[in-house]
């Protein structure tokens, strides 16, 4: 019986093999060698100019350690074990020092770097060829993790920008920066992927992924192609140990250029806003819509530009000004780059038909909910629990509310006892899931309100007068 089964299997395999046309590459590929033994393959000429544009950045920051200590002392588990007698710790300031990198983008001293390299710094020192310069901040954009600083210098070597929209996976790249504070260093790799988003690092993500070694201190440095053209600003790595694992991310040069110009000219970023909540198409939704790409509308804010133009829940946006929208992140990025007050042309699918609309963009900062502007809790910067924020701060999906990201020193929020990381889950008897809930609860005509927060898994009431 076993022999019969074996013969049948072999016969089936032969029949199957005969029905498949397997294509093979040339069995005798040519190998290319240097024409003589005195030739060395090198990219030194390609990168020697751009290296002059990459600078080392050293910052000094003052950190208030009392908030962290008070948070530990107020933890219910700590109080249960040690008793309730521990007082709040007074202000404890400590100076910290950190290193990063930057790229000169103009001969008169404008330098682009990461926001996280210079944000909150009391002093910024830029080193170019062993010469130190004190730098001032021109503008910060936390939403893309970019910043522009300036030094008082002339005739500097400015980086030449490459077009990040022409990049291909597999392109050779070099990362130049100041890893671990050891001084200027160059590493080589390839472009591993393009248009990476959903990493949870920034609000606007469109990263170049590379396996060129990017380590602590490389932040703000240059990612360049084999010509030496700047194609990105190194931003972050994915790593469990803190060292390089071959997964690094850089902000593409197109975004860098647009943000840098705006920060230099206006000191801020004006972003377009249409007022929709969006998501990618799920596999189930792809079976319903003719287009298999686009940004699916989950909600349209009342009175928003999208609402005024007639967009509705369930519409699928597929083009903006003729540019194809592949995903929700595409729409978010493209709209944000548009100028507020200007009209844009939208194409969308509804009921199997392609429709068009013209939307006059609002200004995002002016259109954001009042709660973001710290109107209700003076000194607290609030944000809804988006997927990116949940990933970044490791917040479980079952926790609903709005998170406090920052607290201004000596503000009302700090005096009331709020700290960064608190999640507002309820106001009086009203559960809070978003800004709309929070605004409605806070607008109720009451002199005192009880705000319930989730702090490290425990609920804590704070009374606001």
Protein backbone atom coordinates (compact mmCIF):
# COMPACT_ATOMS: atom_id res chain seq x y z
CA UNK A 1 0.00 0.00 0.00
CA UNK A 2 2.84 2.38 0.86
CA UNK A 3 4.48 1.78 -2.54
CA UNK A 4 1.27 2.60 -4.35
CA UNK A 5 0.92 5.89 -2.44
CA UNK A 6 4.54 6.81 -3.20
CA UNK A 7 4.17 6.12 -6.91
CA UNK A 8 0.93 8.12 -7.05
CA UNK A 9 2.58 11.07 -5.34
CA UNK A 10 5.53 11.05 -7.73
CA UNK A 11 3.24 10.84 -10.71
CA UNK A 12 1.18 13.80 -9.47
CA UNK A 13 4.34 15.82 -8.93
CA UNK A 14 5.54 15.15 -12.47
CA UNK A 15 2.17 16.20 -13.89
CA UNK A 16 2.14 19.33 -11.74
CA UNK A 17 5.68 20.30 -12.70
CA UNK A 18 4.79 20.02 -16.36
CA UNK A 19 1.96 22.54 -15.95
CA UNK A 20 4.02 25.33 -14.34
CA UNK A 21 6.29 27.61 -16.34
CA UNK A 22 9.10 28.54 -13.94
CA UNK A 23 11.33 31.35 -15.18
CA UNK A 24 15.01 31.31 -14.33
CA UNK A 25 17.57 34.10 -14.34
CA UNK A 26 20.72 33.68 -16.45
CA UNK A 27 22.81 30.89 -14.93
CA UNK A 28 26.05 32.62 -15.91
CA UNK A 29 25.83 36.28 -14.81
CA UNK A 30 28.84 38.51 -15.44
CA UNK A 31 30.79 39.70 -12.46
CA UNK A 32 32.28 43.18 -12.61
CA UNK A 33 35.67 43.87 -11.07
CA UNK A 34 37.79 47.03 -10.88
CA UNK A 35 39.82 47.35 -14.09
CA UNK A 36 43.05 47.06 -12.13
CA UNK A 37 44.26 46.40 -8.61
CA UNK A 38 44.90 50.09 -7.88
CA UNK A 39 41.22 51.17 -8.02
CA UNK A 40 39.25 51.66 -4.76
CA UNK A 41 35.48 52.02 -4.88
CA UNK A 42 34.61 55.10 -2.79
CA UNK A 43 31.82 57.64 -2.27
CA UNK A 44 34.14 60.17 -0.65
CA UNK A 45 33.67 62.68 -3.48
CA UNK A 46 29.89 62.36 -3.25
CA UNK A 47 29.63 63.19 0.45
CA UNK A 48 32.59 65.48 1.14
CA UNK A 49 30.56 68.68 0.47
CA UNK A 50 27.41 67.69 2.37
CA UNK A 51 29.58 66.72 5.37
CA UNK A 52 30.49 70.43 5.68
CA UNK A 53 26.77 71.20 6.09
CA UNK A 54 26.16 68.78 8.99
CA UNK A 55 26.75 70.26 12.45
CA UNK A 56 26.85 69.04 16.03
CA UNK A 57 24.28 70.49 18.44
CA UNK A 58 24.69 70.52 22.23
CA UNK A 59 21.81 71.67 24.43
CA UNK A 60 21.33 72.46 28.11
CA UNK A 61 17.86 72.11 29.64
CA UNK A 62 16.47 72.72 33.12
CA UNK A 63 14.25 69.85 34.25
CA UNK A 64 11.75 69.98 37.12
CA UNK A 65 12.07 66.62 38.89
CA UNK A 66 9.49 67.35 41.59
CA UNK A 67 6.52 66.35 39.41
CA UNK A 68 7.88 62.84 38.90
CA UNK A 69 8.62 62.42 42.61
CA UNK A 70 5.20 63.75 43.64
CA UNK A 71 3.58 61.37 41.19
CA UNK A 72 5.31 58.45 42.90
CA UNK A 73 4.46 59.70 46.41
CA UNK A 74 0.79 60.14 45.45
CA UNK A 75 0.49 56.66 43.98
CA UNK A 76 -2.20 54.81 46.03
CA UNK A 77 -0.02 51.70 46.33
CA UNK A 78 2.84 53.78 47.75
CA UNK A 79 0.53 55.50 50.27
CA UNK A 80 -1.03 52.17 51.32
CA UNK A 81 2.41 50.76 52.08
CA UNK A 82 4.15 53.79 53.63
CA UNK A 83 1.19 55.74 55.02
CA UNK A 84 -0.43 59.04 54.09
CA UNK A 85 1.97 61.45 55.76
CA UNK A 86 4.27 62.29 52.83
CA UNK A 87 4.01 65.96 51.81
CA UNK A 88 4.38 67.19 48.24
CA UNK A 89 7.96 67.83 47.26
CA UNK A 90 8.88 71.40 46.38
CA UNK A 91 10.50 72.45 43.10
CA UNK A 92 13.68 70.53 42.34
CA UNK A 93 15.55 71.81 39.29
CA UNK A 94 18.27 69.93 37.50
CA UNK A 95 20.27 70.83 34.41
CA UNK A 96 20.57 68.14 31.75
CA UNK A 97 22.80 68.04 28.69
CA UNK A 98 22.14 66.30 25.39
CA UNK A 99 23.68 66.04 21.94
CA UNK A 100 22.17 65.98 18.48
CA UNK A 101 22.84 67.02 14.91
CA UNK A 102 21.63 69.60 12.42
CA UNK A 103 21.96 70.57 8.75
CA UNK A 104 22.92 74.03 7.44
CA UNK A 105 20.34 75.14 4.85
CA UNK A 106 21.57 78.70 4.16
CA UNK A 107 24.95 80.39 3.94
CA UNK A 108 23.95 82.94 6.61
CA UNK A 109 23.37 80.40 9.38
CA UNK A 110 19.90 78.86 9.25
CA UNK A 111 20.02 75.25 10.45
CA UNK A 112 17.29 72.62 10.41
CA UNK A 113 17.13 69.91 13.07
CA UNK A 114 14.59 67.87 15.03
CA UNK A 115 12.17 69.62 17.37
CA UNK A 116 13.00 67.16 20.14
CA UNK A 117 16.69 68.09 19.92
CA UNK A 118 16.18 71.77 20.84
CA UNK A 119 12.68 72.04 22.38
CA UNK A 120 12.84 73.49 25.89
CA UNK A 121 16.59 74.17 25.71
CA UNK A 122 18.01 76.98 27.82
CA UNK A 123 21.15 77.08 25.72
CA UNK A 124 21.98 75.73 22.24
CA UNK A 125 25.58 75.46 21.06
CA UNK A 126 26.41 74.56 17.45
CA UNK A 127 29.87 73.24 16.59
CA UNK A 128 31.30 73.59 13.06
CA UNK A 129 34.90 72.49 12.51
CA UNK A 130 35.70 72.84 16.22
CA UNK A 131 34.28 76.40 16.30
CA UNK A 132 31.35 76.91 18.69
CA UNK A 133 28.39 79.22 18.00
CA UNK A 134 25.47 80.06 20.25
CA UNK A 135 22.18 79.47 18.43
CA UNK A 136 18.69 80.89 18.82
CA UNK A 137 15.42 79.15 18.00
CA UNK A 138 13.62 80.54 14.94
CA UNK A 139 10.65 78.20 14.99
CA UNK A 140 9.44 74.83 16.25
CA UNK A 141 6.97 72.37 14.74
CA UNK A 142 6.31 69.45 17.11
CA UNK A 143 3.73 67.97 14.71
CA UNK A 144 6.50 67.04 12.25
CA UNK A 145 9.37 67.04 14.80
CA UNK A 146 11.20 69.74 12.87
CA UNK A 147 12.83 72.95 14.08
CA UNK A 148 14.91 75.79 12.65
CA UNK A 149 17.68 77.48 14.62
CA UNK A 150 20.13 80.21 13.58
CA UNK A 151 23.73 81.08 14.31
CA UNK A 152 25.54 84.36 13.59
CA UNK A 153 27.84 83.25 10.79
CA UNK A 154 28.42 83.85 7.08
CA UNK A 155 29.68 81.98 4.02
CA UNK A 156 28.69 78.61 5.41
CA UNK A 157 28.30 75.56 3.17
CA UNK A 158 24.57 74.96 2.75
CA UNK A 159 23.17 71.55 1.89
CA UNK A 160 21.74 71.00 -1.59
CA UNK A 161 18.25 69.49 -1.46
CA UNK A 162 17.25 66.42 -3.44
CA UNK A 163 13.66 65.64 -4.43
CA UNK A 164 12.35 63.06 -1.95
CA UNK A 165 9.39 62.33 -4.23
CA UNK A 166 11.74 60.69 -6.75
CA UNK A 167 13.20 58.18 -4.28
CA UNK A 168 13.02 54.43 -4.87
CA UNK A 169 13.31 51.49 -2.51
CA UNK A 170 16.82 50.09 -2.80
CA UNK A 171 18.48 53.48 -3.44
CA UNK A 172 21.87 53.81 -1.74
CA UNK A 173 21.88 56.35 1.10
CA UNK A 174 24.24 57.75 3.75
CA UNK A 175 23.35 58.95 7.27
CA UNK A 176 25.60 61.73 8.56
CA UNK A 177 25.51 62.98 12.13
CA UNK A 178 26.98 62.85 15.61
CA UNK A 179 26.08 59.40 17.01
CA UNK A 180 26.66 58.91 20.75
CA UNK A 181 28.51 62.25 20.82
CA UNK A 182 31.65 60.73 19.28
CA UNK A 183 31.84 63.38 16.56
CA UNK A 184 30.99 63.40 12.88
CA UNK A 185 30.26 59.98 11.46
CA UNK A 186 28.95 58.51 8.18
CA UNK A 187 27.02 55.26 7.82
CA UNK A 188 25.74 53.62 4.65
CA UNK A 189 22.62 51.66 3.75
CA UNK A 190 19.64 51.61 1.41
CA UNK A 191 16.11 52.95 1.41
CA UNK A 192 14.09 50.12 2.95
CA UNK A 193 10.62 51.66 2.50
CA UNK A 194 8.85 54.91 1.65
CA UNK A 195 5.80 56.79 2.93
CA UNK A 196 5.86 55.03 6.29
CA UNK A 197 3.22 56.23 8.74
CA UNK A 198 1.36 55.01 11.80
CA UNK A 199 4.66 54.68 13.68
CA UNK A 200 3.35 56.86 16.53
CA UNK A 201 6.25 59.34 16.52
CA UNK A 202 4.67 62.48 15.06
CA UNK A 203 1.26 63.76 14.06
CA UNK A 204 2.30 64.08 10.40
CA UNK A 205 4.25 61.01 9.38
CA UNK A 206 5.57 60.26 5.90
CA UNK A 207 8.90 58.72 6.78
CA UNK A 208 11.73 57.35 4.68
CA UNK A 209 12.79 54.06 6.27
CA UNK A 210 16.46 53.12 6.00
CA UNK A 211 18.86 50.51 7.35
CA UNK A 212 21.75 53.01 7.44
CA UNK A 213 22.79 53.07 11.10
CA UNK A 214 21.05 55.91 12.96
CA UNK A 215 21.93 56.03 16.65
CA UNK A 216 21.32 58.44 19.56
CA UNK A 217 22.90 61.76 18.64
CA UNK A 218 22.15 61.28 14.93
CA UNK A 219 18.77 63.00 15.38
CA UNK A 220 18.56 66.06 13.16
CA UNK A 221 21.41 64.88 10.92
CA UNK A 222 21.35 64.36 7.17
CA UNK A 223 20.17 61.45 5.08
CA UNK A 224 21.74 61.88 1.63
CA UNK A 225 21.71 60.00 -1.65
CA UNK A 226 24.78 58.76 -3.54
CA UNK A 227 25.18 62.21 -5.15
CA UNK A 228 25.38 63.89 -1.75
CA UNK A 229 21.95 65.54 -2.08
CA UNK A 230 19.91 66.00 1.12
CA UNK A 231 16.85 63.73 0.89
CA UNK A 232 15.83 63.65 4.55
CA UNK A 233 16.45 64.62 8.17
CA UNK A 234 17.17 61.65 10.44
CA UNK A 235 14.57 61.51 13.18
CA UNK A 236 14.22 58.21 15.06
CA UNK A 237 14.89 54.51 15.25
CA UNK A 238 12.88 51.49 16.32
CA UNK A 239 14.91 49.72 18.97
CA UNK A 240 14.39 47.74 22.16
CA UNK A 241 17.93 48.27 23.40
CA UNK A 242 18.42 51.90 22.34
CA UNK A 243 20.98 50.86 19.72
CA UNK A 244 20.53 50.53 15.98
CA UNK A 245 18.56 47.53 14.70
CA UNK A 246 18.50 48.55 11.05
CA UNK A 247 15.14 50.34 11.22
CA UNK A 248 15.64 54.09 11.07
CA UNK A 249 13.30 56.87 9.97
CA UNK A 250 13.98 60.17 8.24
CA UNK A 251 11.65 63.08 7.43
CA UNK A 252 11.59 63.55 3.62
CA UNK A 253 13.29 66.61 2.14
CA UNK A 254 10.08 67.97 0.56
CA UNK A 255 8.44 68.25 3.99
CA UNK A 256 11.66 69.61 5.51
CA UNK A 257 11.91 72.36 2.89
CA UNK A 258 8.27 73.45 3.23
CA UNK A 259 8.36 73.52 7.04
CA UNK A 260 11.75 75.28 7.19
CA UNK A 261 10.68 78.05 4.77
CA UNK A 262 7.47 78.66 6.71
CA UNK A 263 9.25 78.77 10.07
CA UNK A 264 11.89 81.18 8.74
CA UNK A 265 9.40 83.48 7.02
CA UNK A 266 6.57 83.43 9.58
CA UNK A 267 7.93 81.70 12.69
CA UNK A 268 5.00 79.26 12.61
CA UNK A 269 3.17 76.75 10.42
CA UNK A 270 -0.27 77.54 8.99
CA UNK A 271 -1.98 74.31 8.06
CA UNK A 272 -5.11 73.74 6.04
CA UNK A 273 -8.14 72.23 7.78
CA UNK A 274 -11.36 70.75 6.36
CA UNK A 275 -12.89 69.22 9.51
CA UNK A 276 -13.29 65.50 8.92
CA UNK A 277 -12.41 62.34 10.84
CA UNK A 278 -11.05 59.74 8.43
CA UNK A 279 -9.71 56.21 8.18
CA UNK A 280 -8.34 53.83 5.58
CA UNK A 281 -10.65 51.46 3.74
CA UNK A 282 -11.04 48.09 5.45
CA UNK A 283 -11.21 44.92 3.35
CA UNK A 284 -14.98 44.81 3.89
CA UNK A 285 -15.39 48.41 2.69
CA UNK A 286 -13.27 47.71 -0.40
CA UNK A 287 -15.97 45.28 -1.49
CA UNK A 288 -18.53 48.10 -1.44
CA UNK A 289 -16.61 50.95 -3.07
CA UNK A 290 -15.47 50.97 -6.69
CA UNK A 291 -12.26 52.73 -5.70
CA UNK A 292 -9.95 50.61 -3.55
CA UNK A 293 -7.99 53.58 -2.23
CA UNK A 294 -8.78 56.85 -0.51
CA UNK A 295 -9.74 58.43 2.81
CA UNK A 296 -13.02 57.16 4.26
CA UNK A 297 -15.02 59.82 6.14
CA UNK A 298 -16.05 58.72 9.64
CA UNK A 299 -17.36 62.09 10.81
CA UNK A 300 -17.83 65.66 9.56
CA UNK A 301 -17.50 68.45 12.09
CA UNK A 302 -20.52 70.73 12.32
CA UNK A 303 -19.91 74.08 10.61
CA UNK A 304 -16.57 72.92 9.17
CA UNK A 305 -15.40 73.61 5.59
CA UNK A 306 -16.18 69.97 4.70
CA UNK A 307 -19.71 70.32 6.09
CA UNK A 308 -20.31 73.54 4.15
CA UNK A 309 -19.18 71.86 0.91
CA UNK A 310 -21.66 69.01 1.33
CA UNK A 311 -19.32 66.17 2.31
CA UNK A 312 -21.01 63.47 4.40
CA UNK A 313 -20.30 60.49 6.59
CA UNK A 314 -19.40 57.53 4.35
CA UNK A 315 -17.97 59.55 1.46
CA UNK A 316 -14.64 58.29 0.11
CA UNK A 317 -12.20 61.08 -0.84
CA UNK A 318 -10.05 59.88 -3.75
CA UNK A 319 -8.41 63.07 -5.11
CA UNK A 320 -7.36 66.55 -3.94
CA UNK A 321 -6.50 69.06 -6.67
CA UNK A 322 -6.03 66.14 -9.06
CA UNK A 323 -3.59 64.34 -6.73
CA UNK A 324 -4.51 60.75 -5.94
CA UNK A 325 -5.34 60.02 -2.29
CA UNK A 326 -4.13 56.53 -1.42
CA UNK A 327 -4.87 56.58 2.31
CA UNK A 328 -6.15 58.62 5.23
CA UNK A 329 -2.59 59.71 5.98
CA UNK A 330 -2.25 61.02 2.41
CA UNK A 331 -5.29 63.26 2.84
CA UNK A 332 -4.14 64.52 6.24
CA UNK A 333 -0.66 65.38 4.93
CA UNK A 334 -1.76 66.93 1.64
CA UNK A 335 -4.50 69.11 3.18
CA UNK A 336 -2.15 70.27 5.96
CA UNK A 337 0.35 71.48 3.34
CA UNK A 338 -2.28 73.64 1.62
CA UNK A 339 -2.66 77.35 2.39
CA UNK A 340 -5.61 78.27 4.66
CA UNK A 341 -8.20 80.47 2.96
CA UNK A 342 -7.52 78.94 -0.46
CA UNK A 343 -10.04 76.69 -2.28
CA UNK A 344 -9.19 73.07 -3.09
CA UNK A 345 -10.96 70.68 -5.46
CA UNK A 346 -12.10 67.39 -3.99
CA UNK A 347 -13.18 64.24 -5.82
CA UNK A 348 -15.06 61.63 -3.82
CA UNK A 349 -17.15 58.50 -4.27
CA UNK A 350 -20.72 58.32 -2.98
CA UNK A 351 -23.25 55.62 -3.85
CA UNK A 352 -20.98 54.28 -6.57
CA UNK A 353 -20.72 57.66 -8.32
CA UNK A 354 -17.80 60.07 -8.53
CA UNK A 355 -18.69 63.55 -7.32
CA UNK A 356 -16.77 66.81 -7.03
CA UNK A 357 -16.71 69.62 -4.47
CA UNK A 358 -14.77 72.80 -3.79
CA UNK A 359 -13.68 73.39 -0.20
CA UNK A 360 -12.29 76.67 1.14
CA UNK A 361 -9.70 75.66 3.71
CA UNK A 362 -9.79 76.95 7.26
CA UNK A 363 -6.72 77.48 9.45
CA UNK A 364 -6.13 74.40 11.57
CA UNK A 365 -4.83 76.22 14.63
CA UNK A 366 -7.76 78.63 14.63
CA UNK A 367 -10.27 75.83 14.00
CA UNK A 368 -9.14 73.45 16.72
CA UNK A 369 -11.53 72.86 19.58
CA UNK A 370 -11.27 75.37 22.42
CA UNK A 371 -10.22 72.59 24.75
CA UNK A 372 -6.93 72.23 22.88
CA UNK A 373 -6.18 75.88 23.55
CA UNK A 374 -6.26 75.26 27.32
CA UNK A 375 -9.28 77.52 27.79
CA UNK A 376 -10.88 75.39 30.49
CA UNK A 377 -7.79 74.25 32.40
CA UNK A 378 -5.33 77.11 32.09
CA UNK A 379 -1.79 75.84 31.51
CA UNK A 380 -2.70 72.30 30.41
CA UNK A 381 -2.18 71.13 26.82
CA UNK A 382 -4.81 68.52 25.96
CA UNK A 383 -5.12 66.00 23.15
CA UNK A 384 -7.62 63.34 22.14
CA UNK A 385 -6.52 59.70 22.44
CA UNK A 386 -5.70 58.98 18.81
CA UNK A 387 -4.16 55.68 17.71
CA UNK A 388 -0.77 57.39 17.42
CA UNK A 389 -0.94 58.75 20.97
CA UNK A 390 -2.10 55.39 22.35
CA UNK A 391 0.88 53.72 20.66
CA UNK A 392 3.35 56.38 21.76
CA UNK A 393 2.30 56.33 25.44
CA UNK A 394 1.19 52.67 25.56
CA UNK A 395 -2.40 53.49 26.56
CA UNK A 396 -4.80 50.50 26.37
CA UNK A 397 -7.74 50.81 23.97
CA UNK A 398 -10.33 50.34 26.73
CA UNK A 399 -9.32 53.66 28.36
CA UNK A 400 -11.37 56.55 26.99
CA UNK A 401 -10.83 60.28 27.52
CA UNK A 402 -8.46 63.13 26.66
CA UNK A 403 -4.84 63.20 27.76
CA UNK A 404 -2.83 66.03 29.32
CA UNK A 405 0.42 66.25 27.38
CA UNK A 406 2.03 69.31 28.99
CA UNK A 407 1.65 71.47 32.08
CA UNK A 408 2.96 75.04 32.23
CA UNK A 409 5.03 75.75 35.37
CA UNK A 410 3.16 77.80 38.00
CA UNK A 411 -0.07 77.63 35.97
CA UNK A 412 -3.55 77.03 37.34
CA UNK A 413 -3.35 73.44 36.05
CA UNK A 414 -0.18 72.75 38.05
CA UNK A 415 -1.59 74.35 41.20
CA UNK A 416 -4.75 72.22 40.93
CA UNK A 417 -2.59 69.10 40.87
CA UNK A 418 -2.73 68.01 37.23
CA UNK A 419 0.40 66.40 35.79
CA UNK A 420 1.41 65.31 32.27
CA UNK A 421 0.01 61.88 31.48
CA UNK A 422 -3.29 62.38 33.36
CA UNK A 423 -6.28 61.23 31.31
CA UNK A 424 -9.54 63.10 31.88
CA UNK A 425 -12.24 60.42 31.87
CA UNK A 426 -15.23 62.16 33.47
CA UNK A 427 -16.52 65.63 34.43
CA UNK A 428 -19.18 65.51 37.15
CA UNK A 429 -21.50 62.75 35.91
CA UNK A 430 -20.56 62.98 32.22
CA UNK A 431 -18.13 60.49 30.66
CA UNK A 432 -15.48 62.06 28.43
CA UNK A 433 -14.32 60.44 25.21
CA UNK A 434 -13.41 63.46 23.06
CA UNK A 435 -13.17 67.25 22.97
CA UNK A 436 -16.84 67.58 22.10
CA UNK A 437 -17.81 65.78 25.35
CA UNK A 438 -15.31 67.83 27.35
CA UNK A 439 -16.47 71.17 25.95
CA UNK A 440 -20.11 70.29 26.60
CA UNK A 441 -19.39 69.22 30.19
CA UNK A 442 -17.26 72.26 30.97
CA UNK A 443 -19.82 74.66 29.50
CA UNK A 444 -22.50 73.55 31.99
CA UNK A 445 -23.45 76.45 34.26
CA UNK A 446 -21.85 75.36 37.54
CA UNK A 447 -19.37 77.19 39.77
CA UNK A 448 -17.52 74.01 40.71
CA UNK A 449 -16.83 70.90 38.70
CA UNK A 450 -15.29 67.56 39.64
CA UNK A 451 -12.84 66.40 36.99
CA UNK A 452 -11.99 62.70 37.29
CA UNK A 453 -8.61 61.65 35.92
CA UNK A 454 -7.00 58.28 35.28
CA UNK A 455 -3.47 58.39 36.68
CA UNK A 456 -1.43 55.21 36.37
CA UNK A 457 -4.60 53.11 36.38
CA UNK A 458 -6.19 54.81 39.41
CA UNK A 459 -9.01 57.37 39.38
CA UNK A 460 -8.46 60.68 41.14
CA UNK A 461 -10.94 63.58 41.53
CA UNK A 462 -9.81 67.20 41.11
CA UNK A 463 -12.19 70.08 41.84
CA UNK A 464 -12.12 73.03 39.43
CA UNK A 465 -13.65 76.31 40.59
